[in-house]
Amino acid sequence: MSELGLFPLGIVLFPQEQIPLHIFEDRYQELIGECLDENREFGLVFADEDGLREIGTRAAVTEVLDRFDDGRLNVVVQGRERFRLLELTGGRSFQTGLVESVEEAPDPADPADLERALELFRKLVELTGSDVEEPEAGSDELSFQLAGRFDFAPELKQKLLQLTSERERVKQLADLLEGAAATVAQEQEIAGRAATNGKVDPRG
């Protein structure tokens, strides 16, 4: 158990995922400044109108993109290990809390589910024409690496983050990707028909 500076946001960060952050509030300028000066991590935890979630992700600043005269920062952070928030603590300008590591169950992904997820990943990349690279096979926590390449809603990402079984995460991720691929394909079909004659035949 340790105390960690917390950064509540309306987003979810997966382990190994990289995201840009714009740091503009004084308290978070202080938090990120300390992390940079002391080479420390902070805790990024999803927060909305229902409050802070119990499971978050340790984050490290990997790159400072911009420093502004008023103290604002543009940085890139990378997700590290997950934590469970046990208790909120005080005494600092930013939120802090006592946390412990989340233990992952020794439950590897089902090969069939993993292959389905990878095939759907490739299908979505092809449908959308994106240049997202496929994670290397055999990578640790491949589910997080795959999921981190898509812009899922925070609530869906949080559900995946909280799972402690790679088997269950890959299975749920494959289902999510299957739904996403079907939606993209349907939207493209409708757009193609509309472009042909300006109308869509609802009968298919």
C-alpha atoms as a PDB file:
ATOM      1  CA  MET A   1       0.000   0.000   0.000  1.00  0.00           C
ATOM      2  CA  SER A   2       1.294   3.469  -0.893  1.00  0.00           C
ATOM      3  CA  GLU A   3       0.067   7.039  -1.251  1.00  0.00           C
ATOM      4  CA  LEU A   4      -0.334   8.342  -4.791  1.00  0.00           C
ATOM      5  CA  GLY A   5      -1.189  11.721  -6.284  1.00  0.00           C
ATOM      6  CA  LEU A   6      -4.428  11.359  -8.252  1.00  0.00           C
ATOM      7  CA  PHE A   7      -5.558  12.993 -11.483  1.00  0.00           C
ATOM      8  CA  PRO A   8      -9.328  12.407 -11.866  1.00  0.00           C
ATOM      9  CA  LEU A   9     -10.419  12.690 -15.503  1.00  0.00           C
ATOM     10  CA  GLY A  10     -13.303  11.706 -17.736  1.00  0.00           C
ATOM     11  CA  ILE A  11     -11.070   9.257 -19.588  1.00  0.00           C
ATOM     12  CA  VAL A  12      -9.562   5.833 -18.953  1.00  0.00           C
ATOM     13  CA  LEU A  13      -5.906   4.934 -19.489  1.00  0.00           C
ATOM     14  CA  PHE A  14      -4.870   1.343 -20.177  1.00  0.00           C
ATOM     15  CA  PRO A  15      -1.504  -0.110 -19.181  1.00  0.00           C
ATOM     16  CA  GLN A  16       1.048   0.683 -21.952  1.00  0.00           C
ATOM     17  CA  GLU A  17      -1.385   3.080 -23.681  1.00  0.00           C
ATOM     18  CA  GLN A  18      -0.057   6.551 -24.472  1.00  0.00           C
ATOM     19  CA  ILE A  19      -2.251   9.656 -24.483  1.00  0.00           C
ATOM     20  CA  PRO A  20      -1.666  13.436 -24.626  1.00  0.00           C
ATOM     21  CA  LEU A  21      -2.779  15.622 -21.716  1.00  0.00           C
ATOM     22  CA  HIS A  22      -3.149  19.384 -21.448  1.00  0.00           C
ATOM     23  CA  ILE A  23      -2.305  20.440 -17.880  1.00  0.00           C
ATOM     24  CA  PHE A  24      -3.890  23.806 -17.074  1.00  0.00           C
ATOM     25  CA  GLU A  25      -5.145  23.773 -13.461  1.00  0.00           C
ATOM     26  CA  ASP A  26      -2.629  24.983 -10.860  1.00  0.00           C
ATOM     27  CA  ARG A  27      -3.023  21.898  -8.676  1.00  0.00           C
ATOM     28  CA  TYR A  28      -2.296  19.540 -11.545  1.00  0.00           C
ATOM     29  CA  GLN A  29       0.596  21.677 -12.729  1.00  0.00           C
ATOM     30  CA  GLU A  30       1.997  21.091  -9.239  1.00  0.00           C
ATOM     31  CA  LEU A  31       1.336  17.332  -9.419  1.00  0.00           C
ATOM     32  CA  ILE A  32       2.861  16.871 -12.867  1.00  0.00           C
ATOM     33  CA  GLY A  33       5.752  19.178 -11.987  1.00  0.00           C
ATOM     34  CA  GLU A  34       6.633  17.003  -8.992  1.00  0.00           C
ATOM     35  CA  CYS A  35       6.369  13.847 -11.082  1.00  0.00           C
ATOM     36  CA  LEU A  36       8.786  15.337 -13.630  1.00  0.00           C
ATOM     37  CA  ASP A  37      11.235  16.621 -11.015  1.00  0.00           C
ATOM     38  CA  GLU A  38      11.269  13.414  -8.985  1.00  0.00           C
ATOM     39  CA  ASN A  39      10.657  10.886 -11.789  1.00  0.00           C
ATOM     40  CA  ARG A  40       7.468   9.693 -10.099  1.00  0.00           C
ATOM     41  CA  GLU A  41       4.169   8.325 -11.323  1.00  0.00           C
ATOM     42  CA  PHE A  42       0.682   9.664 -10.654  1.00  0.00           C
ATOM     43  CA  GLY A  43      -2.657   7.921 -10.676  1.00  0.00           C
ATOM     44  CA  LEU A  44      -5.098   8.555 -13.510  1.00  0.00           C
ATOM     45  CA  VAL A  45      -8.565   7.514 -12.429  1.00  0.00           C
ATOM     46  CA  PHE A  46     -11.861   7.781 -14.291  1.00  0.00           C
ATOM     47  CA  ALA A  47     -14.298  10.218 -12.687  1.00  0.00           C
ATOM     48  CA  ASP A  48     -17.765  11.392 -13.701  1.00  0.00           C
ATOM     49  CA  GLU A  49     -20.963  12.479 -11.954  1.00  0.00           C
ATOM     50  CA  ASP A  50     -20.860   9.189 -10.025  1.00  0.00           C
ATOM     51  CA  GLY A  51     -17.460  10.051  -8.552  1.00  0.00           C
ATOM     52  CA  LEU A  52     -14.073   8.334  -8.659  1.00  0.00           C
ATOM     53  CA  ARG A  53     -13.785   4.721  -9.757  1.00  0.00           C
ATOM     54  CA  GLU A  54     -12.016   2.193  -7.568  1.00  0.00           C
ATOM     55  CA  ILE A  55      -9.617   0.946 -10.260  1.00  0.00           C
ATOM     56  CA  GLY A  56      -7.196   3.337 -11.962  1.00  0.00           C
ATOM     57  CA  THR A  57      -3.859   3.272 -13.755  1.00  0.00           C
ATOM     58  CA  ARG A  58      -0.466   4.553 -12.729  1.00  0.00           C
ATOM     59  CA  ALA A  59       0.829   6.988 -15.337  1.00  0.00           C
ATOM     60  CA  ALA A  60       4.277   8.333 -16.151  1.00  0.00           C
ATOM     61  CA  VAL A  61       5.089  11.416 -18.202  1.00  0.00           C
ATOM     62  CA  THR A  62       7.126  10.220 -21.181  1.00  0.00           C
ATOM     63  CA  GLU A  63       7.380  13.486 -23.100  1.00  0.00           C
ATOM     64  CA  VAL A  64       6.849  17.193 -22.507  1.00  0.00           C
ATOM     65  CA  LEU A  65       5.499  18.671 -25.732  1.00  0.00           C
ATOM     66  CA  ASP A  66       5.021  22.301 -24.673  1.00  0.00           C
ATOM     67  CA  ARG A  67       5.706  24.520 -21.660  1.00  0.00           C
ATOM     68  CA  PHE A  68       3.789  27.797 -21.524  1.00  0.00           C
ATOM     69  CA  ASP A  69       4.710  30.960 -19.644  1.00  0.00           C
ATOM     70  CA  ASP A  70       1.646  30.669 -17.393  1.00  0.00           C
ATOM     71  CA  GLY A  71       2.666  27.187 -16.238  1.00  0.00           C
ATOM     72  CA  ARG A  72       0.437  25.156 -18.515  1.00  0.00           C
ATOM     73  CA  LEU A  73       1.891  21.994 -20.034  1.00  0.00           C
ATOM     74  CA  ASN A  74       1.200  19.682 -22.939  1.00  0.00           C
ATOM     75  CA  VAL A  75       2.551  16.241 -22.112  1.00  0.00           C
ATOM     76  CA  VAL A  76       2.359  12.621 -23.226  1.00  0.00           C
ATOM     77  CA  VAL A  77       1.747  10.039 -20.525  1.00  0.00           C
ATOM     78  CA  GLN A  78       1.967   6.256 -20.623  1.00  0.00           C
ATOM     79  CA  GLY A  79      -0.059   3.827 -18.573  1.00  0.00           C
ATOM     80  CA  ARG A  80       1.784   1.540 -16.199  1.00  0.00           C
ATOM     81  CA  GLU A  81       0.313  -0.925 -13.694  1.00  0.00           C
ATOM     82  CA  ARG A  82      -3.234  -0.740 -12.395  1.00  0.00           C
ATOM     83  CA  PHE A  83      -4.118   0.182  -8.832  1.00  0.00           C
ATOM     84  CA  ARG A  84      -7.077  -0.126  -6.494  1.00  0.00           C
ATOM     85  CA  LEU A  85      -8.015   3.045  -4.618  1.00  0.00           C
ATOM     86  CA  LEU A  86      -8.445   2.117  -0.951  1.00  0.00           C
ATOM     87  CA  GLU A  87      -8.870   5.490   0.727  1.00  0.00           C
ATOM     88  CA  LEU A  88      -8.717   9.162  -0.204  1.00  0.00           C
ATOM     89  CA  THR A  89      -6.207  11.267   1.714  1.00  0.00           C
ATOM     90  CA  GLY A  90      -5.697  15.012   2.064  1.00  0.00           C
ATOM     91  CA  GLY A  91      -3.102  17.653   2.763  1.00  0.00           C
ATOM     92  CA  ARG A  92      -2.160  18.568  -0.805  1.00  0.00           C
ATOM     93  CA  SER A  93      -3.622  20.936  -3.397  1.00  0.00           C
ATOM     94  CA  PHE A  94      -4.362  17.891  -5.579  1.00  0.00           C
ATOM     95  CA  GLN A  95      -6.254  14.748  -4.594  1.00  0.00           C
ATOM     96  CA  THR A  96      -4.234  11.915  -3.083  1.00  0.00           C
ATOM     97  CA  GLY A  97      -5.119   8.399  -2.028  1.00  0.00           C
ATOM     98  CA  LEU A  98      -3.852   5.149  -0.548  1.00  0.00           C
ATOM     99  CA  VAL A  99      -3.602   2.526  -3.272  1.00  0.00           C
ATOM    100  CA  GLU A 100      -2.573  -1.074  -3.785  1.00  0.00           C
ATOM    101  CA  SER A 101      -1.639  -2.988  -6.936  1.00  0.00           C
ATOM    102  CA  VAL A 102      -4.283  -4.955  -8.803  1.00  0.00           C
ATOM    103  CA  GLU A 103      -3.359  -8.628  -8.988  1.00  0.00           C
ATOM    104  CA  GLU A 104      -3.867 -10.240 -12.384  1.00  0.00           C
ATOM    105  CA  ALA A 105      -5.237 -13.803 -12.384  1.00  0.00           C
ATOM    106  CA  PRO A 106      -3.147 -16.477 -14.170  1.00  0.00           C
ATOM    107  CA  ASP A 107      -5.826 -16.924 -16.822  1.00  0.00           C
ATOM    108  CA  PRO A 108      -4.451 -16.574 -20.374  1.00  0.00           C
ATOM    109  CA  ALA A 109      -6.676 -15.754 -23.317  1.00  0.00           C
ATOM    110  CA  ASP A 110      -8.475 -18.462 -25.234  1.00  0.00           C
ATOM    111  CA  PRO A 111      -6.588 -18.816 -28.550  1.00  0.00           C
ATOM    112  CA  ALA A 112      -9.832 -18.779 -30.546  1.00  0.00           C
ATOM    113  CA  ASP A 113     -11.031 -15.551 -28.891  1.00  0.00           C
ATOM    114  CA  LEU A 114      -7.615 -13.977 -29.363  1.00  0.00           C
ATOM    115  CA  GLU A 115      -7.546 -14.806 -33.063  1.00  0.00           C
ATOM    116  CA  ARG A 116     -11.099 -13.476 -33.449  1.00  0.00           C
ATOM    117  CA  ALA A 117     -10.085 -10.212 -31.775  1.00  0.00           C
ATOM    118  CA  LEU A 118      -7.030  -9.860 -34.009  1.00  0.00           C
ATOM    119  CA  GLU A 119      -9.040 -10.588 -37.162  1.00  0.00           C
ATOM    120  CA  LEU A 120     -11.633  -7.983 -36.171  1.00  0.00           C
ATOM    121  CA  PHE A 121      -8.838  -5.507 -35.427  1.00  0.00           C
ATOM    122  CA  ARG A 122      -7.483  -6.005 -38.961  1.00  0.00           C
ATOM    123  CA  LYS A 123     -10.983  -5.702 -40.421  1.00  0.00           C
ATOM    124  CA  LEU A 124     -11.606  -2.404 -38.624  1.00  0.00           C
ATOM    125  CA  VAL A 125      -8.229  -1.023 -39.699  1.00  0.00           C
ATOM    126  CA  GLU A 126      -9.096  -1.916 -43.302  1.00  0.00           C
ATOM    127  CA  LEU A 127     -12.633  -0.508 -43.095  1.00  0.00           C
ATOM    128  CA  THR A 128     -11.501   2.775 -41.596  1.00  0.00           C
ATOM    129  CA  GLY A 129      -8.344   3.121 -43.674  1.00  0.00           C
ATOM    130  CA  SER A 130      -6.281   3.866 -40.568  1.00  0.00           C
ATOM    131  CA  ASP A 131      -2.568   3.207 -40.214  1.00  0.00           C
ATOM    132  CA  VAL A 132      -2.704   1.801 -36.679  1.00  0.00           C
ATOM    133  CA  GLU A 133      -0.068  -0.855 -36.127  1.00  0.00           C
ATOM    134  CA  GLU A 134      -1.034  -4.285 -34.898  1.00  0.00           C
ATOM    135  CA  PRO A 135       0.486  -5.279 -31.545  1.00  0.00           C
ATOM    136  CA  GLU A 136       3.053  -8.035 -31.593  1.00  0.00           C
ATOM    137  CA  ALA A 137       1.665 -11.496 -30.915  1.00  0.00           C
ATOM    138  CA  GLY A 138       2.598 -12.774 -27.484  1.00  0.00           C
ATOM    139  CA  SER A 139       2.781  -9.304 -25.951  1.00  0.00           C
ATOM    140  CA  ASP A 140       1.840  -9.035 -22.290  1.00  0.00           C
ATOM    141  CA  GLU A 141      -1.771  -8.030 -21.749  1.00  0.00           C
ATOM    142  CA  LEU A 142      -2.468  -7.957 -25.483  1.00  0.00           C
ATOM    143  CA  SER A 143      -6.088  -7.081 -24.746  1.00  0.00           C
ATOM    144  CA  PHE A 144      -5.053  -3.679 -23.376  1.00  0.00           C
ATOM    145  CA  GLN A 145      -2.761  -3.027 -26.337  1.00  0.00           C
ATOM    146  CA  LEU A 146      -5.555  -3.836 -28.779  1.00  0.00           C
ATOM    147  CA  ALA A 147      -8.260  -1.929 -26.913  1.00  0.00           C
ATOM    148  CA  GLY A 148      -6.000   1.096 -26.515  1.00  0.00           C
ATOM    149  CA  ARG A 149      -5.906   1.504 -30.286  1.00  0.00           C
ATOM    150  CA  PHE A 150      -9.638   2.258 -30.451  1.00  0.00           C
ATOM    151  CA  ASP A 151     -11.667   5.188 -29.181  1.00  0.00           C
ATOM    152  CA  PHE A 152     -14.092   3.274 -26.989  1.00  0.00           C
ATOM    153  CA  ALA A 153     -16.388   5.092 -24.571  1.00  0.00           C
ATOM    154  CA  PRO A 154     -14.797   5.574 -21.127  1.00  0.00           C
ATOM    155  CA  GLU A 155     -17.407   3.375 -19.466  1.00  0.00           C
ATOM    156  CA  LEU A 156     -16.491   0.462 -21.759  1.00  0.00           C
ATOM    157  CA  LYS A 157     -12.770   1.012 -21.205  1.00  0.00           C
ATOM    158  CA  GLN A 158     -13.320   1.080 -17.453  1.00  0.00           C
ATOM    159  CA  LYS A 159     -15.102  -2.280 -17.558  1.00  0.00           C
ATOM    160  CA  LEU A 160     -12.127  -3.805 -19.379  1.00  0.00           C
ATOM    161  CA  LEU A 161      -9.660  -2.129 -17.013  1.00  0.00           C
ATOM    162  CA  GLN A 162     -11.368  -3.649 -13.975  1.00  0.00           C
ATOM    163  CA  LEU A 163     -11.214  -7.222 -15.260  1.00  0.00           C
ATOM    164  CA  THR A 164      -8.352  -9.246 -13.798  1.00  0.00           C
ATOM    165  CA  SER A 165      -8.551 -12.095 -16.331  1.00  0.00           C
ATOM    166  CA  GLU A 166      -6.908 -11.768 -19.746  1.00  0.00           C
ATOM    167  CA  ARG A 167      -9.231 -14.533 -20.937  1.00  0.00           C
ATOM    168  CA  GLU A 168     -12.330 -12.537 -20.008  1.00  0.00           C
ATOM    169  CA  ARG A 169     -10.902  -9.247 -21.316  1.00  0.00           C
ATOM    170  CA  VAL A 170     -10.073 -10.722 -24.732  1.00  0.00           C
ATOM    171  CA  LYS A 171     -13.508 -12.322 -24.973  1.00  0.00           C
ATOM    172  CA  GLN A 172     -15.291  -9.044 -24.139  1.00  0.00           C
ATOM    173  CA  LEU A 173     -12.971  -7.071 -26.411  1.00  0.00           C
ATOM    174  CA  ALA A 174     -13.702  -9.390 -29.336  1.00  0.00           C
ATOM    175  CA  ASP A 175     -17.429  -8.833 -28.791  1.00  0.00           C
ATOM    176  CA  LEU A 176     -16.902  -5.048 -28.709  1.00  0.00           C
ATOM    177  CA  LEU A 177     -14.823  -5.115 -31.895  1.00  0.00           C
ATOM    178  CA  GLU A 178     -17.389  -7.285 -33.638  1.00  0.00           C
ATOM    179  CA  GLY A 179     -20.103  -4.743 -32.841  1.00  0.00           C
ATOM    180  CA  ALA A 180     -17.870  -1.862 -33.942  1.00  0.00           C
ATOM    181  CA  ALA A 181     -16.997  -3.561 -37.224  1.00  0.00           C
ATOM    182  CA  ALA A 182     -20.676  -4.201 -37.979  1.00  0.00           C
ATOM    183  CA  THR A 183     -21.535  -0.555 -37.239  1.00  0.00           C
ATOM    184  CA  VAL A 184     -18.742   0.814 -39.447  1.00  0.00           C
ATOM    185  CA  ALA A 185     -19.664  -1.527 -42.294  1.00  0.00           C
ATOM    186  CA  GLN A 186     -23.331  -0.520 -42.049  1.00  0.00           C
ATOM    187  CA  GLU A 187     -22.476   3.198 -42.002  1.00  0.00           C
ATOM    188  CA  GLN A 188     -20.276   2.797 -45.069  1.00  0.00           C
ATOM    189  CA  GLU A 189     -22.996   0.880 -46.897  1.00  0.00           C
ATOM    190  CA  ILE A 190     -25.561   3.588 -46.133  1.00  0.00           C
ATOM    191  CA  ALA A 191     -23.136   6.310 -47.174  1.00  0.00           C
ATOM    192  CA  GLY A 192     -22.410   4.459 -50.407  1.00  0.00           C
ATOM    193  CA  ARG A 193     -26.080   4.126 -51.246  1.00  0.00           C
ATOM    194  CA  ALA A 194     -26.760   7.739 -50.395  1.00  0.00           C
ATOM    195  CA  ALA A 195     -23.911   8.837 -52.634  1.00  0.00           C
ATOM    196  CA  THR A 196     -25.377   6.820 -55.503  1.00  0.00           C
ATOM    197  CA  ASN A 197     -28.869   8.297 -55.669  1.00  0.00           C
ATOM    198  CA  GLY A 198     -29.258  10.594 -52.674  1.00  0.00           C
ATOM    199  CA  LYS A 199     -31.626   8.148 -50.996  1.00  0.00           C
ATOM    200  CA  VAL A 200     -31.431   5.056 -48.841  1.00  0.00           C
ATOM    201  CA  ASP A 201     -33.816   2.166 -49.409  1.00  0.00           C
ATOM    202  CA  PRO A 202     -34.876   1.127 -45.886  1.00  0.00           C
ATOM    203  CA  ARG A 203     -35.818  -2.313 -47.196  1.00  0.00           C
ATOM    204  CA  GLY A 204     -32.095  -3.110 -47.788  1.00  0.00           C
END
